[in-house]
Each structure stands twice: as C-alpha cells, then as structure tokens.
N, C-alpha and C. Protein backbone atom coordinates (compact mmCIF):
# COMPACT_ATOMS: atom_id res chain seq x y z
N MET A 1 -62.09 -24.88 -54.36
CA MET A 1 -62.32 -24.93 -52.92
C MET A 1 -61.18 -24.25 -52.16
N PHE A 2 -59.93 -24.65 -52.48
CA PHE A 2 -58.78 -24.08 -51.82
C PHE A 2 -58.03 -23.15 -52.76
N ASN A 3 -57.21 -22.28 -52.20
CA ASN A 3 -56.33 -21.46 -53.01
C ASN A 3 -55.25 -22.32 -53.63
N ASP A 4 -54.51 -21.73 -54.54
CA ASP A 4 -53.42 -22.44 -55.19
C ASP A 4 -52.44 -22.95 -54.15
N ARG A 5 -52.16 -24.25 -54.20
CA ARG A 5 -51.24 -24.85 -53.23
C ARG A 5 -50.07 -25.47 -53.97
N SER A 6 -49.62 -24.82 -55.03
CA SER A 6 -48.60 -25.41 -55.90
C SER A 6 -47.21 -25.39 -55.31
N THR A 7 -46.98 -24.54 -54.31
CA THR A 7 -45.67 -24.50 -53.67
C THR A 7 -45.83 -24.68 -52.17
N PRO A 8 -44.78 -25.17 -51.49
CA PRO A 8 -44.89 -25.36 -50.04
C PRO A 8 -45.24 -24.08 -49.29
N LEU A 9 -44.66 -22.94 -49.70
CA LEU A 9 -44.96 -21.70 -49.01
C LEU A 9 -46.40 -21.27 -49.22
N THR A 10 -46.90 -21.47 -50.43
CA THR A 10 -48.31 -21.14 -50.69
C THR A 10 -49.21 -22.03 -49.84
N LEU A 11 -48.82 -23.29 -49.71
CA LEU A 11 -49.58 -24.22 -48.87
C LEU A 11 -49.66 -23.70 -47.43
N LEU A 12 -48.52 -23.31 -46.89
CA LEU A 12 -48.49 -22.83 -45.51
C LEU A 12 -49.27 -21.53 -45.35
N LYS A 13 -49.19 -20.67 -46.36
CA LYS A 13 -49.88 -19.38 -46.28
C LYS A 13 -51.39 -19.50 -46.40
N THR A 14 -51.87 -20.59 -46.98
CA THR A 14 -53.30 -20.71 -47.24
C THR A 14 -54.03 -21.63 -46.26
N ARG A 15 -53.29 -22.26 -45.32
CA ARG A 15 -53.97 -23.14 -44.37
C ARG A 15 -54.86 -22.32 -43.45
N ARG A 16 -56.07 -22.76 -43.30
CA ARG A 16 -57.01 -22.16 -42.38
C ARG A 16 -57.72 -23.27 -41.62
N SER A 17 -58.14 -22.97 -40.41
CA SER A 17 -58.94 -23.93 -39.66
C SER A 17 -60.39 -23.83 -40.10
N GLY A 18 -61.07 -24.95 -40.05
CA GLY A 18 -62.49 -24.98 -40.37
C GLY A 18 -63.31 -25.34 -39.15
N LYS A 19 -64.56 -24.94 -39.14
CA LYS A 19 -65.45 -25.29 -38.04
C LYS A 19 -65.97 -26.71 -38.27
N PRO A 20 -65.69 -27.63 -37.33
CA PRO A 20 -66.12 -29.02 -37.54
C PRO A 20 -67.60 -29.17 -37.84
N ARG A 21 -68.45 -28.34 -37.21
CA ARG A 21 -69.89 -28.47 -37.44
C ARG A 21 -70.28 -28.09 -38.87
N GLU A 22 -69.38 -27.43 -39.59
CA GLU A 22 -69.67 -27.03 -40.97
C GLU A 22 -68.91 -27.90 -41.98
N MET A 23 -68.29 -28.98 -41.51
CA MET A 23 -67.57 -29.87 -42.42
C MET A 23 -68.51 -30.94 -42.97
N VAL A 24 -68.32 -31.26 -44.23
CA VAL A 24 -69.14 -32.26 -44.90
C VAL A 24 -68.23 -33.27 -45.59
N ALA A 25 -68.83 -34.32 -46.14
CA ALA A 25 -68.09 -35.29 -46.93
C ALA A 25 -67.69 -34.64 -48.26
N PRO A 26 -66.60 -35.11 -48.86
CA PRO A 26 -65.81 -36.27 -48.42
C PRO A 26 -64.80 -35.90 -47.35
N GLY A 27 -64.52 -36.90 -46.52
CA GLY A 27 -63.40 -36.81 -45.60
C GLY A 27 -62.31 -37.73 -46.12
N PRO A 28 -61.18 -37.77 -45.44
CA PRO A 28 -60.10 -38.65 -45.88
C PRO A 28 -60.48 -40.12 -45.77
N SER A 29 -60.05 -40.89 -46.74
CA SER A 29 -60.22 -42.35 -46.67
C SER A 29 -59.30 -42.89 -45.58
N ARG A 30 -59.44 -44.17 -45.28
CA ARG A 30 -58.57 -44.79 -44.28
C ARG A 30 -57.10 -44.63 -44.66
N GLU A 31 -56.80 -44.85 -45.94
CA GLU A 31 -55.42 -44.74 -46.41
C GLU A 31 -54.92 -43.30 -46.32
N GLN A 32 -55.78 -42.37 -46.72
CA GLN A 32 -55.39 -40.96 -46.63
C GLN A 32 -55.19 -40.53 -45.18
N LEU A 33 -56.06 -40.99 -44.30
CA LEU A 33 -55.96 -40.61 -42.90
C LEU A 33 -54.67 -41.13 -42.28
N LEU A 34 -54.32 -42.37 -42.61
CA LEU A 34 -53.07 -42.93 -42.08
C LEU A 34 -51.86 -42.18 -42.63
N GLU A 35 -51.93 -41.75 -43.88
CA GLU A 35 -50.83 -40.97 -44.46
C GLU A 35 -50.73 -39.62 -43.76
N ILE A 36 -51.87 -38.99 -43.48
CA ILE A 36 -51.88 -37.72 -42.77
C ILE A 36 -51.24 -37.87 -41.40
N ILE A 37 -51.56 -38.95 -40.70
CA ILE A 37 -50.99 -39.20 -39.38
C ILE A 37 -49.50 -39.48 -39.48
N GLU A 38 -49.10 -40.23 -40.50
CA GLU A 38 -47.68 -40.51 -40.68
C GLU A 38 -46.89 -39.22 -40.90
N ILE A 39 -47.44 -38.33 -41.70
CA ILE A 39 -46.79 -37.03 -41.92
C ILE A 39 -46.76 -36.22 -40.63
N ALA A 40 -47.86 -36.25 -39.89
CA ALA A 40 -47.92 -35.50 -38.63
C ALA A 40 -46.85 -35.93 -37.65
N SER A 41 -46.50 -37.20 -37.67
CA SER A 41 -45.52 -37.72 -36.72
C SER A 41 -44.10 -37.25 -37.00
N ARG A 42 -43.87 -36.64 -38.16
CA ARG A 42 -42.55 -36.09 -38.49
C ARG A 42 -42.45 -34.70 -37.87
N THR A 43 -42.25 -34.68 -36.57
CA THR A 43 -42.28 -33.42 -35.82
C THR A 43 -41.11 -33.36 -34.86
N PRO A 44 -40.68 -32.17 -34.44
CA PRO A 44 -39.59 -32.08 -33.46
C PRO A 44 -39.90 -32.90 -32.21
N ASP A 45 -38.95 -33.69 -31.77
CA ASP A 45 -39.17 -34.62 -30.66
C ASP A 45 -37.84 -34.86 -29.96
N HIS A 46 -37.51 -33.99 -29.01
CA HIS A 46 -36.25 -34.09 -28.28
C HIS A 46 -36.17 -35.43 -27.55
N GLY A 47 -35.15 -36.21 -27.86
CA GLY A 47 -34.97 -37.50 -27.23
C GLY A 47 -35.61 -38.66 -27.96
N LYS A 48 -36.28 -38.36 -29.07
CA LYS A 48 -36.95 -39.41 -29.85
C LYS A 48 -37.86 -40.25 -28.95
N LEU A 49 -38.68 -39.58 -28.18
CA LEU A 49 -39.54 -40.25 -27.20
C LEU A 49 -40.93 -40.57 -27.74
N PHE A 50 -41.34 -39.90 -28.82
CA PHE A 50 -42.71 -40.03 -29.34
C PHE A 50 -43.72 -39.81 -28.20
N PRO A 51 -43.68 -38.64 -27.54
CA PRO A 51 -44.54 -38.42 -26.38
C PRO A 51 -45.96 -38.01 -26.74
N TRP A 52 -46.52 -38.69 -27.69
CA TRP A 52 -47.87 -38.42 -28.17
C TRP A 52 -48.40 -39.66 -28.87
N ARG A 53 -49.71 -39.73 -28.95
CA ARG A 53 -50.36 -40.84 -29.65
C ARG A 53 -51.58 -40.32 -30.39
N PHE A 54 -52.02 -41.09 -31.36
CA PHE A 54 -53.20 -40.75 -32.14
C PHE A 54 -54.25 -41.85 -31.93
N VAL A 55 -55.47 -41.47 -31.67
CA VAL A 55 -56.57 -42.42 -31.58
C VAL A 55 -57.61 -42.03 -32.62
N VAL A 56 -57.80 -42.88 -33.61
CA VAL A 56 -58.80 -42.63 -34.66
C VAL A 56 -60.15 -43.14 -34.18
N VAL A 57 -61.16 -42.31 -34.28
CA VAL A 57 -62.52 -42.72 -33.95
C VAL A 57 -63.26 -42.92 -35.27
N PRO A 58 -63.40 -44.16 -35.72
CA PRO A 58 -64.07 -44.39 -37.02
C PRO A 58 -65.55 -44.06 -36.97
N ASP A 59 -66.12 -43.89 -38.13
CA ASP A 59 -67.52 -43.46 -38.21
C ASP A 59 -68.45 -44.40 -37.46
N GLU A 60 -68.18 -45.70 -37.55
CA GLU A 60 -69.08 -46.66 -36.91
C GLU A 60 -68.99 -46.62 -35.38
N ALA A 61 -68.00 -45.92 -34.84
CA ALA A 61 -67.87 -45.81 -33.38
C ALA A 61 -68.33 -44.46 -32.85
N ARG A 62 -68.78 -43.58 -33.72
CA ARG A 62 -69.15 -42.23 -33.29
C ARG A 62 -70.36 -42.23 -32.35
N ASP A 63 -71.36 -43.05 -32.65
CA ASP A 63 -72.54 -43.09 -31.79
C ASP A 63 -72.18 -43.56 -30.39
N ALA A 64 -71.29 -44.56 -30.31
CA ALA A 64 -70.86 -45.06 -29.00
C ALA A 64 -70.11 -43.97 -28.23
N LEU A 65 -69.26 -43.21 -28.94
CA LEU A 65 -68.55 -42.11 -28.30
C LEU A 65 -69.53 -41.05 -27.82
N ALA A 66 -70.51 -40.73 -28.65
CA ALA A 66 -71.50 -39.72 -28.28
C ALA A 66 -72.26 -40.13 -27.02
N ALA A 67 -72.62 -41.41 -26.93
CA ALA A 67 -73.34 -41.90 -25.76
C ALA A 67 -72.49 -41.80 -24.50
N LYS A 68 -71.22 -42.15 -24.62
CA LYS A 68 -70.32 -42.09 -23.47
C LYS A 68 -70.07 -40.65 -23.03
N LEU A 69 -69.94 -39.75 -23.99
CA LEU A 69 -69.77 -38.34 -23.63
C LEU A 69 -70.99 -37.83 -22.87
N GLY A 70 -72.17 -38.24 -23.31
CA GLY A 70 -73.39 -37.84 -22.63
C GLY A 70 -73.43 -38.36 -21.20
N ASP A 71 -73.05 -39.63 -21.02
CA ASP A 71 -73.04 -40.22 -19.68
C ASP A 71 -72.05 -39.50 -18.77
N ILE A 72 -70.86 -39.19 -19.31
CA ILE A 72 -69.84 -38.51 -18.51
C ILE A 72 -70.29 -37.10 -18.16
N LEU A 73 -70.91 -36.43 -19.10
CA LEU A 73 -71.37 -35.07 -18.85
C LEU A 73 -72.42 -35.05 -17.74
N ARG A 74 -73.34 -36.03 -17.78
CA ARG A 74 -74.35 -36.11 -16.72
C ARG A 74 -73.71 -36.35 -15.35
N ALA A 75 -72.66 -37.17 -15.33
CA ALA A 75 -72.00 -37.51 -14.07
C ALA A 75 -71.17 -36.35 -13.53
N GLU A 76 -70.60 -35.54 -14.42
CA GLU A 76 -69.68 -34.50 -13.99
C GLU A 76 -70.33 -33.12 -13.81
N LYS A 77 -71.44 -32.90 -14.47
CA LYS A 77 -72.08 -31.58 -14.41
C LYS A 77 -73.40 -31.68 -13.67
N ALA A 78 -73.43 -31.10 -12.48
CA ALA A 78 -74.61 -31.23 -11.62
C ALA A 78 -75.86 -30.67 -12.27
N ASP A 79 -75.71 -29.59 -13.04
CA ASP A 79 -76.87 -28.95 -13.66
C ASP A 79 -76.99 -29.31 -15.14
N CYS A 80 -76.52 -30.48 -15.50
CA CYS A 80 -76.57 -30.93 -16.90
C CYS A 80 -78.01 -31.01 -17.39
N THR A 81 -78.24 -30.50 -18.59
CA THR A 81 -79.58 -30.53 -19.19
C THR A 81 -79.58 -31.42 -20.42
N ASP A 82 -80.77 -31.69 -20.92
CA ASP A 82 -80.89 -32.47 -22.15
C ASP A 82 -80.20 -31.74 -23.31
N ARG A 83 -80.23 -30.43 -23.26
CA ARG A 83 -79.57 -29.64 -24.31
C ARG A 83 -78.05 -29.84 -24.26
N ASP A 84 -77.50 -29.93 -23.06
CA ASP A 84 -76.06 -30.19 -22.92
C ASP A 84 -75.70 -31.54 -23.50
N VAL A 85 -76.53 -32.53 -23.22
CA VAL A 85 -76.28 -33.88 -23.72
C VAL A 85 -76.37 -33.90 -25.25
N GLU A 86 -77.34 -33.18 -25.79
CA GLU A 86 -77.48 -33.10 -27.24
C GLU A 86 -76.26 -32.44 -27.86
N ALA A 87 -75.71 -31.41 -27.20
CA ALA A 87 -74.51 -30.74 -27.70
C ALA A 87 -73.33 -31.70 -27.71
N ALA A 88 -73.23 -32.54 -26.68
CA ALA A 88 -72.16 -33.54 -26.62
C ALA A 88 -72.32 -34.56 -27.75
N TRP A 89 -73.58 -34.92 -28.02
CA TRP A 89 -73.85 -35.85 -29.12
C TRP A 89 -73.42 -35.24 -30.45
N GLN A 90 -73.79 -34.00 -30.68
CA GLN A 90 -73.41 -33.33 -31.92
C GLN A 90 -71.89 -33.19 -32.03
N PHE A 91 -71.24 -32.93 -30.91
CA PHE A 91 -69.78 -32.82 -30.89
C PHE A 91 -69.13 -34.09 -31.41
N ALA A 92 -69.60 -35.21 -30.93
CA ALA A 92 -69.00 -36.50 -31.31
C ALA A 92 -69.32 -36.89 -32.74
N ARG A 93 -70.41 -36.36 -33.29
CA ARG A 93 -70.87 -36.79 -34.60
C ARG A 93 -70.45 -35.85 -35.73
N GLN A 94 -69.84 -34.69 -35.41
CA GLN A 94 -69.55 -33.70 -36.44
C GLN A 94 -68.33 -34.09 -37.27
N ALA A 95 -68.33 -33.63 -38.51
CA ALA A 95 -67.22 -33.81 -39.46
C ALA A 95 -67.05 -35.28 -39.86
N PRO A 96 -66.55 -35.52 -41.06
CA PRO A 96 -66.40 -36.90 -41.54
C PRO A 96 -65.36 -37.73 -40.80
N ALA A 97 -64.29 -37.11 -40.27
CA ALA A 97 -63.22 -37.87 -39.62
C ALA A 97 -62.83 -37.23 -38.30
N LEU A 98 -62.44 -38.06 -37.35
CA LEU A 98 -62.02 -37.59 -36.03
C LEU A 98 -60.79 -38.35 -35.57
N VAL A 99 -59.76 -37.59 -35.21
CA VAL A 99 -58.54 -38.15 -34.63
C VAL A 99 -58.31 -37.44 -33.30
N VAL A 100 -58.14 -38.21 -32.25
CA VAL A 100 -57.84 -37.64 -30.93
C VAL A 100 -56.33 -37.70 -30.73
N VAL A 101 -55.73 -36.54 -30.50
CA VAL A 101 -54.28 -36.49 -30.25
C VAL A 101 -54.06 -36.45 -28.74
N LEU A 102 -53.27 -37.41 -28.26
CA LEU A 102 -52.96 -37.48 -26.84
C LEU A 102 -51.53 -37.05 -26.58
N SER A 103 -51.35 -36.21 -25.56
CA SER A 103 -50.02 -35.92 -25.05
C SER A 103 -49.68 -37.00 -24.05
N ALA A 104 -48.57 -37.72 -24.29
CA ALA A 104 -48.21 -38.86 -23.45
C ALA A 104 -46.75 -38.76 -23.02
N PRO A 105 -46.44 -37.77 -22.17
CA PRO A 105 -45.05 -37.56 -21.78
C PRO A 105 -44.52 -38.65 -20.85
N ILE A 106 -43.21 -38.83 -20.90
CA ILE A 106 -42.52 -39.74 -19.99
C ILE A 106 -42.02 -38.91 -18.82
N ALA A 107 -42.68 -39.04 -17.69
CA ALA A 107 -42.48 -38.11 -16.58
C ALA A 107 -41.07 -38.14 -16.00
N GLU A 108 -40.45 -39.30 -15.91
CA GLU A 108 -39.15 -39.42 -15.24
C GLU A 108 -37.98 -39.29 -16.19
N HIS A 109 -38.21 -38.88 -17.42
CA HIS A 109 -37.12 -38.77 -18.39
C HIS A 109 -36.37 -37.46 -18.22
N LYS A 110 -35.11 -37.44 -18.68
CA LYS A 110 -34.30 -36.22 -18.55
C LYS A 110 -34.83 -35.09 -19.43
N VAL A 111 -35.55 -35.44 -20.51
CA VAL A 111 -36.18 -34.41 -21.33
C VAL A 111 -37.37 -33.84 -20.56
N PRO A 112 -37.40 -32.55 -20.29
CA PRO A 112 -38.49 -31.97 -19.49
C PRO A 112 -39.87 -32.28 -20.09
N VAL A 113 -40.82 -32.48 -19.21
CA VAL A 113 -42.19 -32.75 -19.65
C VAL A 113 -42.70 -31.62 -20.53
N TRP A 114 -42.33 -30.38 -20.21
CA TRP A 114 -42.77 -29.23 -21.00
C TRP A 114 -42.35 -29.39 -22.45
N GLU A 115 -41.11 -29.83 -22.70
CA GLU A 115 -40.66 -30.02 -24.07
C GLU A 115 -41.44 -31.14 -24.76
N GLN A 116 -41.77 -32.17 -24.01
CA GLN A 116 -42.55 -33.25 -24.58
C GLN A 116 -43.97 -32.80 -24.92
N GLU A 117 -44.52 -31.93 -24.08
CA GLU A 117 -45.86 -31.40 -24.36
C GLU A 117 -45.83 -30.46 -25.56
N LEU A 118 -44.76 -29.70 -25.71
CA LEU A 118 -44.63 -28.86 -26.90
C LEU A 118 -44.60 -29.73 -28.15
N SER A 119 -43.95 -30.87 -28.06
CA SER A 119 -43.90 -31.79 -29.21
C SER A 119 -45.30 -32.29 -29.56
N ALA A 120 -46.13 -32.53 -28.55
CA ALA A 120 -47.51 -32.96 -28.81
C ALA A 120 -48.29 -31.87 -29.53
N GLY A 121 -48.05 -30.61 -29.13
CA GLY A 121 -48.70 -29.52 -29.84
C GLY A 121 -48.23 -29.42 -31.28
N ALA A 122 -46.94 -29.66 -31.48
CA ALA A 122 -46.39 -29.61 -32.84
C ALA A 122 -46.96 -30.73 -33.70
N VAL A 123 -47.17 -31.89 -33.12
CA VAL A 123 -47.70 -33.01 -33.89
C VAL A 123 -49.14 -32.73 -34.31
N ALA A 124 -49.89 -32.04 -33.45
CA ALA A 124 -51.27 -31.68 -33.79
C ALA A 124 -51.28 -30.65 -34.92
N MET A 125 -50.37 -29.67 -34.86
CA MET A 125 -50.28 -28.68 -35.92
C MET A 125 -49.87 -29.32 -37.23
N ASN A 126 -48.93 -30.27 -37.16
CA ASN A 126 -48.50 -30.98 -38.36
C ASN A 126 -49.66 -31.74 -39.00
N LEU A 127 -50.53 -32.27 -38.16
CA LEU A 127 -51.69 -33.00 -38.68
C LEU A 127 -52.59 -32.06 -39.48
N LEU A 128 -52.77 -30.84 -38.98
CA LEU A 128 -53.59 -29.87 -39.72
C LEU A 128 -52.95 -29.51 -41.05
N HIS A 129 -51.63 -29.33 -41.05
CA HIS A 129 -50.94 -29.03 -42.31
C HIS A 129 -51.06 -30.20 -43.29
N ALA A 130 -50.89 -31.41 -42.79
CA ALA A 130 -50.98 -32.59 -43.66
C ALA A 130 -52.39 -32.75 -44.22
N ALA A 131 -53.40 -32.46 -43.41
CA ALA A 131 -54.77 -32.53 -43.90
C ALA A 131 -55.00 -31.51 -45.01
N HIS A 132 -54.49 -30.29 -44.81
CA HIS A 132 -54.63 -29.25 -45.83
C HIS A 132 -53.92 -29.64 -47.11
N ALA A 133 -52.72 -30.20 -46.98
CA ALA A 133 -51.96 -30.62 -48.16
C ALA A 133 -52.66 -31.76 -48.90
N SER A 134 -53.50 -32.50 -48.18
CA SER A 134 -54.23 -33.62 -48.79
C SER A 134 -55.57 -33.19 -49.37
N GLY A 135 -55.88 -31.90 -49.27
CA GLY A 135 -57.11 -31.39 -49.87
C GLY A 135 -58.29 -31.30 -48.93
N PHE A 136 -58.04 -31.43 -47.63
CA PHE A 136 -59.12 -31.36 -46.64
C PHE A 136 -58.92 -30.16 -45.73
N VAL A 137 -59.89 -29.95 -44.86
CA VAL A 137 -59.77 -28.89 -43.86
C VAL A 137 -59.81 -29.55 -42.49
N GLY A 138 -59.12 -28.95 -41.54
CA GLY A 138 -59.09 -29.50 -40.19
C GLY A 138 -59.51 -28.48 -39.16
N GLY A 139 -60.01 -28.96 -38.04
CA GLY A 139 -60.36 -28.11 -36.91
C GLY A 139 -59.86 -28.74 -35.62
N TRP A 140 -59.09 -27.98 -34.85
CA TRP A 140 -58.49 -28.46 -33.59
C TRP A 140 -59.37 -27.96 -32.46
N ILE A 141 -60.06 -28.87 -31.77
CA ILE A 141 -61.05 -28.51 -30.75
C ILE A 141 -60.65 -29.11 -29.40
N THR A 142 -60.91 -28.33 -28.33
CA THR A 142 -60.69 -28.86 -26.98
C THR A 142 -62.04 -28.88 -26.25
N GLY A 143 -62.34 -27.84 -25.47
CA GLY A 143 -63.61 -27.81 -24.74
C GLY A 143 -63.55 -28.69 -23.50
N TRP A 144 -64.69 -28.81 -22.83
CA TRP A 144 -64.73 -29.53 -21.55
C TRP A 144 -64.23 -30.95 -21.68
N ALA A 145 -64.50 -31.60 -22.81
CA ALA A 145 -64.14 -33.02 -22.97
C ALA A 145 -62.64 -33.23 -22.92
N ALA A 146 -61.88 -32.24 -23.38
CA ALA A 146 -60.43 -32.38 -23.40
C ALA A 146 -59.83 -32.32 -22.00
N TYR A 147 -60.59 -31.78 -21.04
CA TYR A 147 -60.08 -31.61 -19.68
C TYR A 147 -60.75 -32.54 -18.67
N SER A 148 -61.52 -33.47 -19.18
CA SER A 148 -62.19 -34.45 -18.32
C SER A 148 -61.35 -35.72 -18.24
N ASP A 149 -61.00 -36.12 -17.03
CA ASP A 149 -60.23 -37.36 -16.87
C ASP A 149 -61.04 -38.56 -17.35
N ALA A 150 -62.34 -38.52 -17.15
CA ALA A 150 -63.18 -39.64 -17.57
C ALA A 150 -63.19 -39.77 -19.09
N VAL A 151 -63.23 -38.63 -19.78
CA VAL A 151 -63.15 -38.68 -21.26
C VAL A 151 -61.76 -39.13 -21.68
N ARG A 152 -60.73 -38.60 -21.00
CA ARG A 152 -59.37 -39.03 -21.30
C ARG A 152 -59.22 -40.55 -21.21
N ASP A 153 -59.88 -41.13 -20.20
CA ASP A 153 -59.78 -42.57 -19.99
C ASP A 153 -60.41 -43.39 -21.11
N LEU A 154 -61.25 -42.75 -21.93
CA LEU A 154 -61.81 -43.45 -23.09
C LEU A 154 -60.74 -43.71 -24.15
N PHE A 155 -59.68 -42.89 -24.12
CA PHE A 155 -58.66 -42.97 -25.15
C PHE A 155 -57.26 -43.29 -24.61
N GLY A 156 -57.02 -42.94 -23.36
CA GLY A 156 -55.67 -43.10 -22.82
C GLY A 156 -55.71 -43.48 -21.36
N LYS A 157 -54.70 -43.04 -20.63
CA LYS A 157 -54.54 -43.44 -19.24
C LYS A 157 -54.04 -42.27 -18.42
N GLU A 158 -53.99 -42.47 -17.12
CA GLU A 158 -53.51 -41.44 -16.20
C GLU A 158 -52.10 -41.01 -16.58
N GLY A 159 -51.85 -39.73 -16.54
CA GLY A 159 -50.56 -39.19 -16.95
C GLY A 159 -50.58 -38.66 -18.36
N GLU A 160 -51.58 -39.06 -19.13
CA GLU A 160 -51.76 -38.55 -20.49
C GLU A 160 -52.84 -37.47 -20.47
N ARG A 161 -52.84 -36.64 -21.50
CA ARG A 161 -53.84 -35.58 -21.63
C ARG A 161 -54.30 -35.50 -23.07
N ILE A 162 -55.53 -35.09 -23.25
CA ILE A 162 -56.04 -34.89 -24.60
C ILE A 162 -55.54 -33.54 -25.10
N ALA A 163 -54.67 -33.58 -26.11
CA ALA A 163 -54.16 -32.34 -26.70
C ALA A 163 -55.22 -31.70 -27.58
N GLY A 164 -56.05 -32.53 -28.19
CA GLY A 164 -57.10 -31.97 -29.02
C GLY A 164 -57.89 -33.02 -29.76
N PHE A 165 -59.12 -32.68 -30.07
CA PHE A 165 -59.95 -33.46 -30.98
C PHE A 165 -59.76 -32.85 -32.36
N MET A 166 -59.21 -33.61 -33.28
CA MET A 166 -58.88 -33.10 -34.61
C MET A 166 -59.94 -33.60 -35.60
N PHE A 167 -60.81 -32.70 -36.02
CA PHE A 167 -61.87 -33.03 -36.96
C PHE A 167 -61.42 -32.68 -38.38
N LEU A 168 -61.66 -33.59 -39.32
CA LEU A 168 -61.22 -33.41 -40.70
C LEU A 168 -62.38 -33.63 -41.65
N GLY A 169 -62.40 -32.86 -42.72
CA GLY A 169 -63.43 -33.04 -43.72
C GLY A 169 -63.30 -32.01 -44.83
N THR A 170 -64.42 -31.71 -45.46
CA THR A 170 -64.49 -30.72 -46.54
C THR A 170 -65.37 -29.57 -46.08
N PRO A 171 -64.94 -28.33 -46.26
CA PRO A 171 -65.78 -27.21 -45.82
C PRO A 171 -67.05 -27.11 -46.65
N ALA A 172 -68.16 -26.85 -45.99
CA ALA A 172 -69.43 -26.71 -46.69
C ALA A 172 -69.52 -25.39 -47.44
N ARG A 173 -68.70 -24.43 -47.05
CA ARG A 173 -68.67 -23.14 -47.73
C ARG A 173 -67.24 -22.59 -47.65
N PRO A 174 -66.92 -21.60 -48.47
CA PRO A 174 -65.55 -21.06 -48.45
C PRO A 174 -65.15 -20.61 -47.05
N LEU A 175 -63.92 -20.89 -46.69
CA LEU A 175 -63.43 -20.52 -45.37
C LEU A 175 -63.11 -19.02 -45.33
N GLU A 176 -63.41 -18.40 -44.21
CA GLU A 176 -63.13 -16.98 -44.04
C GLU A 176 -61.74 -16.80 -43.44
N GLU A 177 -61.02 -15.82 -43.93
CA GLU A 177 -59.71 -15.51 -43.36
C GLU A 177 -59.90 -14.83 -42.01
N ARG A 178 -59.15 -15.26 -41.03
CA ARG A 178 -59.23 -14.65 -39.70
C ARG A 178 -58.21 -13.52 -39.61
N PRO A 179 -58.40 -12.59 -38.68
CA PRO A 179 -57.41 -11.52 -38.52
C PRO A 179 -56.05 -12.09 -38.14
N ARG A 180 -55.01 -11.55 -38.74
CA ARG A 180 -53.64 -11.97 -38.44
C ARG A 180 -52.87 -10.77 -37.90
N PRO A 181 -51.99 -10.98 -36.94
CA PRO A 181 -51.26 -9.84 -36.37
C PRO A 181 -50.24 -9.29 -37.34
N ALA A 182 -50.01 -7.99 -37.27
CA ALA A 182 -48.94 -7.38 -38.05
C ALA A 182 -47.61 -7.81 -37.46
N LEU A 183 -46.61 -7.97 -38.31
CA LEU A 183 -45.30 -8.40 -37.81
C LEU A 183 -44.76 -7.44 -36.76
N SER A 184 -45.07 -6.16 -36.90
CA SER A 184 -44.58 -5.18 -35.94
C SER A 184 -45.13 -5.43 -34.54
N GLU A 185 -46.24 -6.18 -34.45
CA GLU A 185 -46.85 -6.46 -33.15
C GLU A 185 -46.27 -7.71 -32.49
N ILE A 186 -45.65 -8.59 -33.26
CA ILE A 186 -45.22 -9.87 -32.71
C ILE A 186 -43.75 -10.19 -32.90
N VAL A 187 -43.01 -9.34 -33.63
CA VAL A 187 -41.60 -9.63 -33.93
C VAL A 187 -40.73 -8.48 -33.46
N GLN A 188 -39.65 -8.83 -32.78
CA GLN A 188 -38.62 -7.87 -32.40
C GLN A 188 -37.26 -8.49 -32.67
N PHE A 189 -36.25 -7.66 -32.91
CA PHE A 189 -34.89 -8.13 -33.11
C PHE A 189 -34.06 -7.76 -31.89
N TRP A 190 -33.48 -8.76 -31.25
CA TRP A 190 -32.67 -8.52 -30.07
C TRP A 190 -31.26 -8.12 -30.49
N GLN A 191 -30.67 -7.17 -29.74
CA GLN A 191 -29.29 -6.78 -29.99
C GLN A 191 -28.48 -6.97 -28.72
N ASN A 192 -27.23 -7.29 -28.89
CA ASN A 192 -26.35 -7.53 -27.76
C ASN A 192 -26.29 -6.29 -26.86
N GLY A 193 -26.52 -6.49 -25.60
CA GLY A 193 -26.50 -5.35 -24.68
C GLY A 193 -27.18 -5.71 -23.39
N TYR A 194 -27.65 -4.71 -22.68
CA TYR A 194 -28.26 -4.92 -21.38
C TYR A 194 -29.72 -4.49 -21.42
N GLY A 195 -30.50 -5.14 -20.55
CA GLY A 195 -31.90 -4.77 -20.45
C GLY A 195 -32.68 -5.20 -21.69
N HIS A 196 -33.70 -4.44 -21.99
CA HIS A 196 -34.57 -4.78 -23.11
C HIS A 196 -34.02 -4.18 -24.39
N THR A 197 -32.96 -4.80 -24.90
CA THR A 197 -32.30 -4.29 -26.10
C THR A 197 -32.91 -4.96 -27.32
N VAL A 198 -34.04 -4.49 -27.76
CA VAL A 198 -34.70 -5.06 -28.93
C VAL A 198 -35.04 -3.93 -29.89
N GLN A 199 -35.15 -4.30 -31.13
CA GLN A 199 -35.58 -3.38 -32.17
C GLN A 199 -36.91 -3.85 -32.73
N SER A 200 -37.72 -2.93 -33.17
CA SER A 200 -38.95 -3.29 -33.86
C SER A 200 -38.60 -3.89 -35.21
N VAL A 201 -39.51 -4.72 -35.74
CA VAL A 201 -39.31 -5.32 -37.03
C VAL A 201 -39.30 -4.24 -38.12
N TYR A 202 -39.95 -3.11 -37.85
CA TYR A 202 -39.98 -2.01 -38.83
C TYR A 202 -39.25 -0.80 -38.25
C-alpha cells in the first residue's frame, strides 16, 4: 500500500494526502488514534501554551454531526438545496476516522496570536505525519464548515477557529503523487549586503 517507510527521511518523503471520500476501513483504533494525537501534540509551541485542541468525532456520532451540518447549512445559505444538504451529510460520514483540530489562541498573552496559530497548523501537519507513520492516510479539509461560527460552536467556543477536519483511513486505491516545486523555484540563499542580495539554489 505504502512505499518503504524504513527510515524517518523515507517516511517524510513518501507522505501524501488522501481524499477522504476515497478512504476505506480499516481506520485507526481508539488506541492508535490517541497515539497519533499524542505524537501530533509534540509540536513547536512558543510559551508552552498548547494553543490548540483536538475533538474526536467517533463513528457513532457521525450521523448526529451530519444532521447538524445540514441544519446549519440551511440556516446560513439562503439558496441551500437538498443536494447541498446531501453533500454536507457525505462530508460528515466520509473516512473511518475524524479529528477536528481547533486553533485556540490566548489573545492577551505576550506570545503573538499569529505564532499560536502557526503552532495549530504545525500540530495538524504533525497529525498527518503520525497517521502516515502508523500505516494510514490522512486528509486535511476545510471548506465552508471550517469558517462557520455555528459549526465551530459544535466543537469549541468564540475566539477559537477550526484549523481543519482531519480525516484518517486507508486509501481505496494507490495515491497519486502531486506536482512538487523545483527547489530553484522556492529556495534562495541570502548573502550579507543591501537590497535583494540572494542567490539561486542552483
């Protein structure tokens, strides 16, 4: 299913995102999921604030989540159709496991909120790496639900934001490699001087 993951660098080089709608069982067990989350929490965190939280949506709660997403969509979208509601239902029901990552910064702290939000992004990325290392595939999804205060209130409170819906499972088919930028397009070496004193990587 996966490429050789015998070394840490090979593991990092072979991680790919999967489409949640194409994920099938098996997904991580409760114990595996908690281990994945524990690993994810080992992330850069200036001030040791833990400005993020994880909300696990177990399988038995997926239908309830789907129903609430449908209700919120009807309330927030004036031209909502039955097809939109069905899409929300499918969103909540896809993939064997779902973890909602919340950004929960401490607004009045000396550590800037921006740095705390970066930490939340790092924790979500760590979760994907931990899932891959555990033999699963992950997909980090946002969409309208991530930007709805009403959906946010299902998992958190005012001042928090949904960083992502993290779907985990097993890919139904081999994952396709996505285009990656050449180093010459994204890396430069800065040299001491004035103005734009950089060198190309090549």
